[in-house]
Amino acid sequence: MNFRRKTASSTRRTLALLGLLASTIWLGATFVAPAAATQLGQYFPLPNSLSMSGVPRDALLKIQSKWLQNGLDNLKKAHGEAEAALEKAKSGAADQAAAAEENLKKIDGMIAETQEELALSDNNDSSHEIQAERKRKLLLHLNQWINELNRLATEQMKIAIMKDGAEAMAAQNRNYQLSEQADNLEKAKRDPSFEDWGTTK
């Protein structure tokens, strides 16, 4: 009797696992991962200004749009330089020309992606899907800024500990400014205007 119960229980578990595996395979075949967000880096340094006024969500969107536009301007400048480098490389070795062409293609791709993100950042369409994606991208950007601010603040604290006098004081003040900016962004994330945004259809 116990053997039968164990066998039946084992069979049910096996069938459940097979069903879960099948659904996982199906999901893996049909699910398309959301596009990644623009990353901080050479063309996208921290926003020039992180000061906020008014409704936190709207203030963050304005900061994001300016940040993306600044990065787009940097990319367009880099595109011109990459085109010039490609023309110059064409008269040299074939591998140099291929590398220059690949770099130009990479910049072209980044420009297209940034233009899409900028359009989304400014999209006020009432569609739930659009606003949910708009919020997702902003949150990804926001977390990057917060992490970078905290990293820079830690660096300044290390300098303040190791140095003396005016240099230590300057680093301590900079640490305070960076930490405050990170805290303000964290508070904005918890504001109802941000938390409630894109949550209902």
N, C-alpha and C. Protein backbone atom coordinates (compact mmCIF):
# COMPACT_ATOMS: atom_id res chain seq x y z
N MET A 1 0.84 -1.21 0.00
CA MET A 1 0.00 0.00 0.00
C MET A 1 0.87 1.26 0.00
N ASN A 2 1.85 1.26 0.88
CA ASN A 2 2.76 2.39 0.93
C ASN A 2 3.55 2.52 -0.35
N PHE A 3 3.93 1.33 -0.91
CA PHE A 3 4.68 1.34 -2.16
C PHE A 3 3.86 1.98 -3.27
N ARG A 4 2.55 1.63 -3.33
CA ARG A 4 1.68 2.19 -4.36
C ARG A 4 1.55 3.70 -4.22
N ARG A 5 1.40 4.16 -2.96
CA ARG A 5 1.29 5.60 -2.72
C ARG A 5 2.56 6.33 -3.16
N LYS A 6 3.72 5.71 -2.79
CA LYS A 6 4.99 6.33 -3.17
C LYS A 6 5.14 6.37 -4.69
N THR A 7 4.73 5.25 -5.35
CA THR A 7 4.83 5.17 -6.81
C THR A 7 3.94 6.22 -7.47
N ALA A 8 2.71 6.33 -6.97
CA ALA A 8 1.77 7.31 -7.52
C ALA A 8 2.28 8.72 -7.31
N SER A 9 2.80 8.95 -6.10
CA SER A 9 3.35 10.29 -5.79
C SER A 9 4.53 10.61 -6.68
N SER A 10 5.40 9.62 -6.86
CA SER A 10 6.58 9.80 -7.71
C SER A 10 6.19 10.07 -9.15
N THR A 11 5.16 9.35 -9.61
CA THR A 11 4.68 9.53 -10.99
C THR A 11 4.14 10.94 -11.18
N ARG A 12 3.35 11.42 -10.18
CA ARG A 12 2.79 12.77 -10.28
C ARG A 12 3.89 13.82 -10.34
N ARG A 13 4.93 13.63 -9.50
CA ARG A 13 6.05 14.57 -9.49
C ARG A 13 6.77 14.58 -10.84
N THR A 14 6.94 13.36 -11.39
CA THR A 14 7.63 13.25 -12.68
C THR A 14 6.84 13.94 -13.77
N LEU A 15 5.51 13.70 -13.79
CA LEU A 15 4.66 14.34 -14.79
C LEU A 15 4.67 15.86 -14.64
N ALA A 16 4.66 16.31 -13.38
CA ALA A 16 4.69 17.76 -13.13
C ALA A 16 5.99 18.37 -13.62
N LEU A 17 7.09 17.66 -13.36
CA LEU A 17 8.39 18.15 -13.81
C LEU A 17 8.48 18.18 -15.33
N LEU A 18 7.93 17.13 -15.98
CA LEU A 18 7.93 17.10 -17.44
C LEU A 18 7.10 18.24 -18.01
N GLY A 19 5.95 18.50 -17.35
CA GLY A 19 5.12 19.61 -17.80
C GLY A 19 5.82 20.94 -17.65
N LEU A 20 6.52 21.11 -16.51
CA LEU A 20 7.27 22.34 -16.27
C LEU A 20 8.39 22.51 -17.28
N LEU A 21 9.08 21.39 -17.59
CA LEU A 21 10.16 21.43 -18.57
C LEU A 21 9.63 21.81 -19.94
N ALA A 22 8.49 21.21 -20.31
CA ALA A 22 7.90 21.51 -21.62
C ALA A 22 7.51 22.97 -21.73
N SER A 23 6.90 23.50 -20.65
CA SER A 23 6.48 24.91 -20.67
C SER A 23 7.68 25.83 -20.70
N THR A 24 8.78 25.41 -20.01
CA THR A 24 9.99 26.23 -20.02
C THR A 24 10.60 26.28 -21.41
N ILE A 25 10.62 25.12 -22.09
CA ILE A 25 11.14 25.07 -23.46
C ILE A 25 10.29 25.94 -24.37
N TRP A 26 8.96 25.86 -24.19
CA TRP A 26 8.06 26.67 -25.03
C TRP A 26 8.28 28.14 -24.80
N LEU A 27 8.39 28.52 -23.51
CA LEU A 27 8.63 29.92 -23.20
C LEU A 27 9.96 30.39 -23.76
N GLY A 28 10.97 29.52 -23.66
CA GLY A 28 12.29 29.89 -24.18
C GLY A 28 12.25 30.10 -25.67
N ALA A 29 11.37 29.39 -26.36
CA ALA A 29 11.29 29.52 -27.81
C ALA A 29 10.52 30.75 -28.24
N THR A 30 9.59 31.20 -27.39
CA THR A 30 8.73 32.29 -27.82
C THR A 30 9.04 33.61 -27.13
N PHE A 31 9.68 33.57 -25.97
CA PHE A 31 9.91 34.79 -25.21
C PHE A 31 11.03 35.61 -25.83
N VAL A 32 10.81 36.88 -25.99
CA VAL A 32 11.83 37.79 -26.49
C VAL A 32 12.25 38.70 -25.36
N ALA A 33 13.50 38.66 -24.99
CA ALA A 33 13.99 39.46 -23.87
C ALA A 33 13.88 40.94 -24.20
N PRO A 34 13.49 41.76 -23.21
CA PRO A 34 13.40 43.20 -23.43
C PRO A 34 14.77 43.78 -23.82
N ALA A 35 14.74 44.79 -24.66
CA ALA A 35 15.99 45.42 -25.10
C ALA A 35 16.71 46.04 -23.91
N ALA A 36 18.02 45.92 -23.94
CA ALA A 36 18.82 46.50 -22.87
C ALA A 36 18.80 48.02 -22.97
N ALA A 37 19.16 48.67 -21.88
CA ALA A 37 19.16 50.13 -21.84
C ALA A 37 20.55 50.66 -22.14
N THR A 38 20.61 51.92 -22.56
CA THR A 38 21.88 52.60 -22.80
C THR A 38 22.73 52.57 -21.53
N GLN A 39 24.02 52.33 -21.72
CA GLN A 39 24.94 52.21 -20.59
C GLN A 39 25.78 53.48 -20.41
N LEU A 40 26.08 53.79 -19.16
CA LEU A 40 27.04 54.85 -18.87
C LEU A 40 28.37 54.49 -19.52
N GLY A 41 29.07 55.50 -20.01
CA GLY A 41 30.35 55.21 -20.63
C GLY A 41 30.91 56.40 -21.39
N GLN A 42 31.73 56.12 -22.36
CA GLN A 42 32.43 57.15 -23.13
C GLN A 42 31.49 58.20 -23.71
N TYR A 43 30.40 57.75 -24.28
CA TYR A 43 29.47 58.68 -24.93
C TYR A 43 28.34 59.13 -24.01
N PHE A 44 28.17 58.39 -22.91
CA PHE A 44 27.07 58.69 -21.98
C PHE A 44 27.60 58.82 -20.55
N PRO A 45 28.27 59.94 -20.25
CA PRO A 45 28.70 60.17 -18.87
C PRO A 45 27.49 60.48 -17.99
N LEU A 46 27.72 60.62 -16.70
CA LEU A 46 26.62 60.99 -15.80
C LEU A 46 25.93 62.25 -16.31
N PRO A 47 24.61 62.37 -16.09
CA PRO A 47 23.91 63.59 -16.51
C PRO A 47 24.58 64.85 -15.97
N ASN A 48 24.59 65.89 -16.79
CA ASN A 48 25.21 67.15 -16.38
C ASN A 48 24.56 67.74 -15.14
N SER A 49 23.25 67.56 -15.03
CA SER A 49 22.53 68.08 -13.87
C SER A 49 21.54 67.04 -13.38
N LEU A 50 21.54 66.80 -12.07
CA LEU A 50 20.61 65.85 -11.47
C LEU A 50 19.64 66.55 -10.52
N SER A 51 19.57 67.87 -10.62
CA SER A 51 18.64 68.61 -9.77
C SER A 51 17.21 68.40 -10.26
N MET A 52 16.29 68.23 -9.31
CA MET A 52 14.90 67.95 -9.65
C MET A 52 13.96 68.96 -9.02
N SER A 53 12.89 69.27 -9.74
CA SER A 53 11.83 70.13 -9.20
C SER A 53 10.51 69.65 -9.77
N GLY A 54 9.44 69.85 -9.02
CA GLY A 54 8.13 69.42 -9.46
C GLY A 54 7.89 67.95 -9.20
N VAL A 55 7.05 67.33 -10.02
CA VAL A 55 6.71 65.91 -9.88
C VAL A 55 7.95 65.06 -10.17
N PRO A 56 8.39 64.21 -9.23
CA PRO A 56 9.62 63.44 -9.40
C PRO A 56 9.69 62.64 -10.71
N ARG A 57 8.59 61.97 -11.07
CA ARG A 57 8.62 61.18 -12.30
C ARG A 57 8.93 62.05 -13.51
N ASP A 58 8.25 63.19 -13.61
CA ASP A 58 8.45 64.08 -14.75
C ASP A 58 9.85 64.68 -14.73
N ALA A 59 10.36 64.98 -13.54
CA ALA A 59 11.71 65.54 -13.42
C ALA A 59 12.74 64.52 -13.89
N LEU A 60 12.54 63.26 -13.51
CA LEU A 60 13.47 62.20 -13.92
C LEU A 60 13.43 61.98 -15.43
N LEU A 61 12.24 62.05 -16.00
CA LEU A 61 12.12 61.89 -17.45
C LEU A 61 12.85 63.02 -18.20
N LYS A 62 12.77 64.23 -17.67
CA LYS A 62 13.47 65.35 -18.30
C LYS A 62 14.99 65.16 -18.24
N ILE A 63 15.46 64.69 -17.08
CA ILE A 63 16.90 64.43 -16.93
C ILE A 63 17.33 63.34 -17.92
N GLN A 64 16.50 62.29 -18.02
CA GLN A 64 16.82 61.19 -18.93
C GLN A 64 16.89 61.66 -20.38
N SER A 65 15.91 62.46 -20.79
CA SER A 65 15.88 62.94 -22.17
C SER A 65 17.11 63.79 -22.50
N LYS A 66 17.48 64.65 -21.58
CA LYS A 66 18.68 65.48 -21.79
C LYS A 66 19.93 64.62 -21.86
N TRP A 67 19.99 63.61 -21.00
CA TRP A 67 21.13 62.69 -20.97
C TRP A 67 21.26 61.92 -22.28
N LEU A 68 20.14 61.41 -22.77
CA LEU A 68 20.14 60.67 -24.03
C LEU A 68 20.49 61.58 -25.20
N GLN A 69 19.97 62.81 -25.19
CA GLN A 69 20.27 63.75 -26.28
C GLN A 69 21.75 64.12 -26.27
N ASN A 70 22.31 64.31 -25.09
CA ASN A 70 23.73 64.62 -24.98
C ASN A 70 24.58 63.46 -25.51
N GLY A 71 24.18 62.24 -25.16
CA GLY A 71 24.88 61.07 -25.66
C GLY A 71 24.75 60.93 -27.17
N LEU A 72 23.56 61.24 -27.69
CA LEU A 72 23.34 61.18 -29.13
C LEU A 72 24.23 62.18 -29.86
N ASP A 73 24.36 63.38 -29.30
CA ASP A 73 25.25 64.39 -29.88
C ASP A 73 26.70 63.90 -29.89
N ASN A 74 27.10 63.25 -28.80
CA ASN A 74 28.46 62.69 -28.72
C ASN A 74 28.67 61.61 -29.77
N LEU A 75 27.65 60.78 -29.96
CA LEU A 75 27.75 59.71 -30.95
C LEU A 75 27.81 60.25 -32.38
N LYS A 76 27.05 61.30 -32.65
CA LYS A 76 27.07 61.89 -34.00
C LYS A 76 28.44 62.50 -34.30
N LYS A 77 29.05 63.09 -33.28
CA LYS A 77 30.40 63.62 -33.45
C LYS A 77 31.38 62.48 -33.71
N ALA A 78 31.23 61.39 -32.95
CA ALA A 78 32.08 60.22 -33.12
C ALA A 78 31.87 59.58 -34.49
N HIS A 79 30.64 59.66 -34.99
CA HIS A 79 30.32 59.12 -36.32
C HIS A 79 31.12 59.85 -37.40
N GLY A 80 31.17 61.17 -37.31
CA GLY A 80 31.93 61.95 -38.27
C GLY A 80 33.41 61.60 -38.22
N GLU A 81 33.93 61.43 -37.01
CA GLU A 81 35.34 61.07 -36.84
C GLU A 81 35.61 59.66 -37.38
N ALA A 82 34.64 58.75 -37.17
CA ALA A 82 34.79 57.37 -37.64
C ALA A 82 34.75 57.31 -39.17
N GLU A 83 33.92 58.14 -39.79
CA GLU A 83 33.87 58.20 -41.25
C GLU A 83 35.20 58.68 -41.82
N ALA A 84 35.76 59.70 -41.19
CA ALA A 84 37.06 60.23 -41.64
C ALA A 84 38.15 59.17 -41.46
N ALA A 85 38.09 58.45 -40.35
CA ALA A 85 39.07 57.40 -40.09
C ALA A 85 38.97 56.27 -41.10
N LEU A 86 37.74 55.96 -41.52
CA LEU A 86 37.53 54.92 -42.51
C LEU A 86 38.11 55.32 -43.86
N GLU A 87 37.86 56.54 -44.27
CA GLU A 87 38.40 57.02 -45.54
C GLU A 87 39.92 56.98 -45.55
N LYS A 88 40.51 57.33 -44.42
CA LYS A 88 41.96 57.31 -44.29
C LYS A 88 42.48 55.88 -44.31
N ALA A 89 41.74 54.98 -43.66
CA ALA A 89 42.17 53.58 -43.56
C ALA A 89 42.09 52.85 -44.90
N LYS A 90 41.22 53.31 -45.78
CA LYS A 90 41.05 52.65 -47.08
C LYS A 90 42.33 52.66 -47.91
N SER A 91 43.20 53.64 -47.66
CA SER A 91 44.45 53.73 -48.41
C SER A 91 45.56 52.89 -47.77
N GLY A 92 45.25 52.26 -46.63
CA GLY A 92 46.24 51.46 -45.92
C GLY A 92 45.95 49.97 -46.01
N ALA A 93 46.31 49.25 -44.96
CA ALA A 93 46.11 47.80 -44.92
C ALA A 93 44.63 47.44 -44.86
N ALA A 94 44.30 46.29 -45.44
CA ALA A 94 42.90 45.85 -45.51
C ALA A 94 42.31 45.64 -44.12
N ASP A 95 43.10 45.11 -43.18
CA ASP A 95 42.58 44.85 -41.85
C ASP A 95 42.25 46.14 -41.10
N GLN A 96 43.02 47.20 -41.38
CA GLN A 96 42.74 48.50 -40.76
C GLN A 96 41.43 49.07 -41.28
N ALA A 97 41.19 48.92 -42.58
CA ALA A 97 39.95 49.40 -43.18
C ALA A 97 38.76 48.63 -42.63
N ALA A 98 38.93 47.32 -42.46
CA ALA A 98 37.84 46.48 -41.94
C ALA A 98 37.51 46.88 -40.50
N ALA A 99 38.54 47.15 -39.70
CA ALA A 99 38.32 47.55 -38.30
C ALA A 99 37.63 48.90 -38.23
N ALA A 100 38.02 49.82 -39.11
CA ALA A 100 37.41 51.15 -39.13
C ALA A 100 35.95 51.06 -39.58
N GLU A 101 35.68 50.17 -40.52
CA GLU A 101 34.30 49.99 -41.00
C GLU A 101 33.43 49.36 -39.91
N GLU A 102 34.00 48.43 -39.17
CA GLU A 102 33.28 47.78 -38.07
C GLU A 102 32.95 48.80 -36.98
N ASN A 103 33.90 49.67 -36.70
CA ASN A 103 33.68 50.71 -35.69
C ASN A 103 32.56 51.66 -36.10
N LEU A 104 32.53 51.99 -37.39
CA LEU A 104 31.48 52.87 -37.90
C LEU A 104 30.11 52.21 -37.79
N LYS A 105 30.06 50.92 -38.09
CA LYS A 105 28.80 50.18 -37.98
C LYS A 105 28.32 50.13 -36.52
N LYS A 106 29.27 49.96 -35.61
CA LYS A 106 28.94 49.92 -34.20
C LYS A 106 28.34 51.25 -33.74
N ILE A 107 28.93 52.34 -34.17
CA ILE A 107 28.43 53.67 -33.81
C ILE A 107 27.05 53.91 -34.43
N ASP A 108 26.88 53.48 -35.68
CA ASP A 108 25.57 53.61 -36.35
C ASP A 108 24.49 52.88 -35.54
N GLY A 109 24.82 51.67 -35.06
CA GLY A 109 23.87 50.90 -34.26
C GLY A 109 23.53 51.60 -32.96
N MET A 110 24.54 52.18 -32.31
CA MET A 110 24.31 52.89 -31.06
C MET A 110 23.45 54.13 -31.28
N ILE A 111 23.65 54.80 -32.40
CA ILE A 111 22.85 55.98 -32.72
C ILE A 111 21.38 55.59 -32.88
N ALA A 112 21.14 54.51 -33.62
CA ALA A 112 19.77 54.05 -33.86
C ALA A 112 19.09 53.66 -32.53
N GLU A 113 19.81 52.95 -31.67
CA GLU A 113 19.26 52.54 -30.37
C GLU A 113 18.96 53.74 -29.48
N THR A 114 19.86 54.71 -29.51
CA THR A 114 19.67 55.91 -28.68
C THR A 114 18.47 56.72 -29.16
N GLN A 115 18.31 56.81 -30.47
CA GLN A 115 17.16 57.54 -31.03
C GLN A 115 15.86 56.88 -30.61
N GLU A 116 15.84 55.55 -30.57
CA GLU A 116 14.64 54.83 -30.13
C GLU A 116 14.35 55.09 -28.65
N GLU A 117 15.41 55.07 -27.83
CA GLU A 117 15.23 55.32 -26.40
C GLU A 117 14.78 56.75 -26.13
N LEU A 118 15.32 57.67 -26.90
CA LEU A 118 14.93 59.08 -26.74
C LEU A 118 13.47 59.27 -27.12
N ALA A 119 13.03 58.61 -28.20
CA ALA A 119 11.63 58.70 -28.62
C ALA A 119 10.72 58.11 -27.53
N LEU A 120 11.15 57.01 -26.94
CA LEU A 120 10.37 56.39 -25.86
C LEU A 120 10.33 57.29 -24.63
N SER A 121 11.44 57.91 -24.31
CA SER A 121 11.51 58.79 -23.14
C SER A 121 10.52 59.94 -23.24
N ASP A 122 10.27 60.41 -24.45
CA ASP A 122 9.37 61.54 -24.67
C ASP A 122 7.96 61.12 -25.07
N ASN A 123 7.68 59.82 -25.05
CA ASN A 123 6.39 59.30 -25.53
C ASN A 123 5.34 59.36 -24.42
N ASN A 124 4.34 60.21 -24.61
CA ASN A 124 3.26 60.37 -23.62
C ASN A 124 2.00 59.59 -23.97
N ASP A 125 2.11 58.65 -24.91
CA ASP A 125 0.97 57.81 -25.27
C ASP A 125 0.43 57.11 -24.03
N SER A 126 -0.89 57.02 -23.93
CA SER A 126 -1.53 56.46 -22.72
C SER A 126 -1.48 54.93 -22.68
N SER A 127 -0.95 54.29 -23.72
CA SER A 127 -0.88 52.84 -23.76
C SER A 127 -0.12 52.29 -22.56
N HIS A 128 -0.71 51.28 -21.90
CA HIS A 128 -0.05 50.68 -20.73
C HIS A 128 1.30 50.08 -21.10
N GLU A 129 1.35 49.39 -22.25
CA GLU A 129 2.60 48.74 -22.68
C GLU A 129 3.70 49.76 -22.88
N ILE A 130 3.36 50.89 -23.52
CA ILE A 130 4.37 51.92 -23.78
C ILE A 130 4.85 52.54 -22.47
N GLN A 131 3.93 52.85 -21.58
CA GLN A 131 4.32 53.49 -20.33
C GLN A 131 5.09 52.52 -19.41
N ALA A 132 4.73 51.24 -19.46
CA ALA A 132 5.46 50.25 -18.66
C ALA A 132 6.90 50.12 -19.15
N GLU A 133 7.07 50.13 -20.48
CA GLU A 133 8.42 50.05 -21.04
C GLU A 133 9.19 51.35 -20.80
N ARG A 134 8.49 52.45 -20.86
CA ARG A 134 9.11 53.76 -20.57
C ARG A 134 9.64 53.78 -19.13
N LYS A 135 8.85 53.27 -18.21
CA LYS A 135 9.27 53.21 -16.80
C LYS A 135 10.43 52.24 -16.62
N ARG A 136 10.38 51.09 -17.30
CA ARG A 136 11.44 50.09 -17.18
C ARG A 136 12.79 50.67 -17.61
N LYS A 137 12.80 51.35 -18.75
CA LYS A 137 14.05 51.93 -19.24
C LYS A 137 14.55 53.02 -18.30
N LEU A 138 13.66 53.86 -17.83
CA LEU A 138 14.08 54.93 -16.92
C LEU A 138 14.66 54.34 -15.64
N LEU A 139 14.06 53.27 -15.13
CA LEU A 139 14.55 52.64 -13.91
C LEU A 139 15.95 52.05 -14.13
N LEU A 140 16.19 51.46 -15.29
CA LEU A 140 17.51 50.91 -15.61
C LEU A 140 18.56 52.02 -15.65
N HIS A 141 18.20 53.14 -16.27
CA HIS A 141 19.13 54.28 -16.32
C HIS A 141 19.37 54.84 -14.93
N LEU A 142 18.28 54.99 -14.20
CA LEU A 142 18.33 55.57 -12.86
C LEU A 142 19.24 54.77 -11.93
N ASN A 143 19.12 53.45 -11.99
CA ASN A 143 19.96 52.60 -11.14
C ASN A 143 21.44 52.70 -11.51
N GLN A 144 21.70 52.87 -12.79
CA GLN A 144 23.09 53.08 -13.21
C GLN A 144 23.66 54.38 -12.62
N TRP A 145 22.87 55.44 -12.68
CA TRP A 145 23.33 56.73 -12.15
C TRP A 145 23.58 56.63 -10.65
N ILE A 146 22.66 55.99 -9.94
CA ILE A 146 22.81 55.86 -8.49
C ILE A 146 24.06 55.06 -8.14
N ASN A 147 24.27 53.96 -8.85
CA ASN A 147 25.45 53.13 -8.59
C ASN A 147 26.74 53.90 -8.85
N GLU A 148 26.76 54.67 -9.93
CA GLU A 148 27.96 55.44 -10.26
C GLU A 148 28.20 56.56 -9.25
N LEU A 149 27.14 57.21 -8.82
CA LEU A 149 27.28 58.26 -7.80
C LEU A 149 27.83 57.69 -6.50
N ASN A 150 27.33 56.54 -6.11
CA ASN A 150 27.82 55.90 -4.89
C ASN A 150 29.28 55.47 -5.03
N ARG A 151 29.64 55.00 -6.22
CA ARG A 151 31.04 54.61 -6.46
C ARG A 151 31.96 55.83 -6.35
N LEU A 152 31.55 56.93 -6.98
CA LEU A 152 32.36 58.15 -6.93
C LEU A 152 32.43 58.70 -5.50
N ALA A 153 31.34 58.59 -4.76
CA ALA A 153 31.32 59.07 -3.38
C ALA A 153 32.29 58.27 -2.52
N THR A 154 32.34 56.97 -2.76
CA THR A 154 33.28 56.11 -2.02
C THR A 154 34.72 56.49 -2.33
N GLU A 155 35.00 56.79 -3.60
CA GLU A 155 36.35 57.22 -3.98
C GLU A 155 36.75 58.49 -3.26
N GLN A 156 35.80 59.43 -3.17
CA GLN A 156 36.09 60.69 -2.50
C GLN A 156 36.30 60.50 -1.00
N MET A 157 35.57 59.56 -0.41
CA MET A 157 35.76 59.28 1.01
C MET A 157 37.15 58.70 1.28
N LYS A 158 37.61 57.84 0.37
CA LYS A 158 38.95 57.27 0.50
C LYS A 158 40.01 58.38 0.45
N ILE A 159 39.81 59.34 -0.47
CA ILE A 159 40.74 60.47 -0.59
C ILE A 159 40.72 61.30 0.69
N ALA A 160 39.52 61.54 1.21
CA ALA A 160 39.37 62.34 2.44
C ALA A 160 40.10 61.69 3.61
N ILE A 161 40.09 60.35 3.66
CA ILE A 161 40.75 59.63 4.76
C ILE A 161 42.27 59.69 4.62
N MET A 162 42.74 59.61 3.37
CA MET A 162 44.18 59.52 3.13
C MET A 162 44.89 60.88 3.09
N LYS A 163 44.12 61.93 2.81
CA LYS A 163 44.74 63.26 2.66
C LYS A 163 44.54 64.11 3.93
N ASP A 164 45.14 65.29 3.90
CA ASP A 164 45.03 66.22 5.02
C ASP A 164 44.57 67.59 4.54
N GLY A 165 44.15 68.42 5.49
CA GLY A 165 43.87 69.82 5.22
C GLY A 165 42.81 70.07 4.18
N ALA A 166 43.08 71.05 3.31
CA ALA A 166 42.10 71.50 2.32
C ALA A 166 41.70 70.40 1.34
N GLU A 167 42.67 69.57 0.97
CA GLU A 167 42.39 68.49 0.03
C GLU A 167 41.42 67.48 0.63
N ALA A 168 41.63 67.17 1.90
CA ALA A 168 40.73 66.24 2.59
C ALA A 168 39.34 66.84 2.74
N MET A 169 39.29 68.13 3.05
CA MET A 169 38.00 68.81 3.21
C MET A 169 37.23 68.86 1.89
N ALA A 170 37.96 69.13 0.80
CA ALA A 170 37.31 69.19 -0.52
C ALA A 170 36.74 67.83 -0.89
N ALA A 171 37.48 66.76 -0.63
CA ALA A 171 37.02 65.41 -0.94
C ALA A 171 35.81 65.05 -0.08
N GLN A 172 35.84 65.47 1.18
CA GLN A 172 34.72 65.19 2.08
C GLN A 172 33.45 65.91 1.61
N ASN A 173 33.60 67.15 1.17
CA ASN A 173 32.45 67.90 0.65
C ASN A 173 31.91 67.27 -0.62
N ARG A 174 32.82 66.81 -1.47
CA ARG A 174 32.40 66.17 -2.73
C ARG A 174 31.68 64.86 -2.44
N ASN A 175 32.17 64.13 -1.46
CA ASN A 175 31.52 62.89 -1.03
C ASN A 175 30.09 63.17 -0.59
N TYR A 176 29.91 64.23 0.18
CA TYR A 176 28.58 64.60 0.67
C TYR A 176 27.66 64.95 -0.50
N GLN A 177 28.16 65.72 -1.47
CA GLN A 177 27.35 66.12 -2.62
C GLN A 177 26.90 64.91 -3.44
N LEU A 178 27.86 64.01 -3.71
CA LEU A 178 27.55 62.82 -4.51
C LEU A 178 26.57 61.90 -3.78
N SER A 179 26.77 61.72 -2.49
CA SER A 179 25.87 60.87 -1.69
C SER A 179 24.47 61.46 -1.64
N GLU A 180 24.39 62.77 -1.52
CA GLU A 180 23.09 63.44 -1.49
C GLU A 180 22.36 63.27 -2.82
N GLN A 181 23.09 63.38 -3.93
CA GLN A 181 22.47 63.18 -5.24
C GLN A 181 21.93 61.76 -5.37
N ALA A 182 22.71 60.78 -4.93
CA ALA A 182 22.25 59.39 -4.99
C ALA A 182 21.01 59.19 -4.12
N ASP A 183 21.00 59.77 -2.93
CA ASP A 183 19.86 59.66 -2.02
C ASP A 183 18.61 60.30 -2.62
N ASN A 184 18.78 61.44 -3.26
CA ASN A 184 17.64 62.12 -3.87
C ASN A 184 17.02 61.30 -5.00
N LEU A 185 17.88 60.62 -5.77
CA LEU A 185 17.37 59.76 -6.84
C LEU A 185 16.64 58.55 -6.25
N GLU A 186 17.17 58.01 -5.17
CA GLU A 186 16.50 56.87 -4.51
C GLU A 186 15.13 57.30 -3.99
N LYS A 187 15.05 58.49 -3.41
CA LYS A 187 13.76 59.00 -2.91
C LYS A 187 12.77 59.19 -4.04
N ALA A 188 13.27 59.68 -5.18
CA ALA A 188 12.39 59.90 -6.34
C ALA A 188 11.82 58.58 -6.84
N LYS A 189 12.60 57.50 -6.76
CA LYS A 189 12.12 56.17 -7.16
C LYS A 189 10.96 55.70 -6.29
N ARG A 190 10.94 56.14 -5.03
CA ARG A 190 9.90 55.70 -4.09
C ARG A 190 8.69 56.63 -4.06
N ASP A 191 8.75 57.71 -4.84
CA ASP A 191 7.61 58.63 -4.88
C ASP A 191 6.43 57.96 -5.59
N PRO A 192 5.20 58.19 -5.10
CA PRO A 192 4.02 57.59 -5.74
C PRO A 192 3.92 57.88 -7.24
N SER A 193 4.37 59.06 -7.67
CA SER A 193 4.29 59.40 -9.09
C SER A 193 5.11 58.44 -9.94
N PHE A 194 6.15 57.86 -9.33
CA PHE A 194 6.99 56.89 -10.03
C PHE A 194 6.52 55.47 -9.77
N GLU A 195 6.27 55.14 -8.51
CA GLU A 195 5.90 53.77 -8.15
C GLU A 195 4.57 53.35 -8.78
N ASP A 196 3.60 54.25 -8.85
CA ASP A 196 2.27 53.91 -9.37
C ASP A 196 2.21 53.99 -10.89
N TRP A 197 3.23 54.49 -11.50
CA TRP A 197 3.26 54.72 -12.95
C TRP A 197 3.39 53.39 -13.70
N GLY A 198 2.50 53.17 -14.66
CA GLY A 198 2.57 51.99 -15.51
C GLY A 198 2.20 50.69 -14.83
N THR A 199 1.53 50.75 -13.67
CA THR A 199 1.21 49.52 -12.94
C THR A 199 -0.19 49.01 -13.24
N THR A 200 -1.05 49.86 -13.77
CA THR A 200 -2.43 49.42 -14.07
C THR A 200 -2.75 49.64 -15.53
N LYS A 201 -3.59 48.75 -16.05
CA LYS A 201 -4.00 48.85 -17.46
C LYS A 201 -5.24 49.72 -17.57
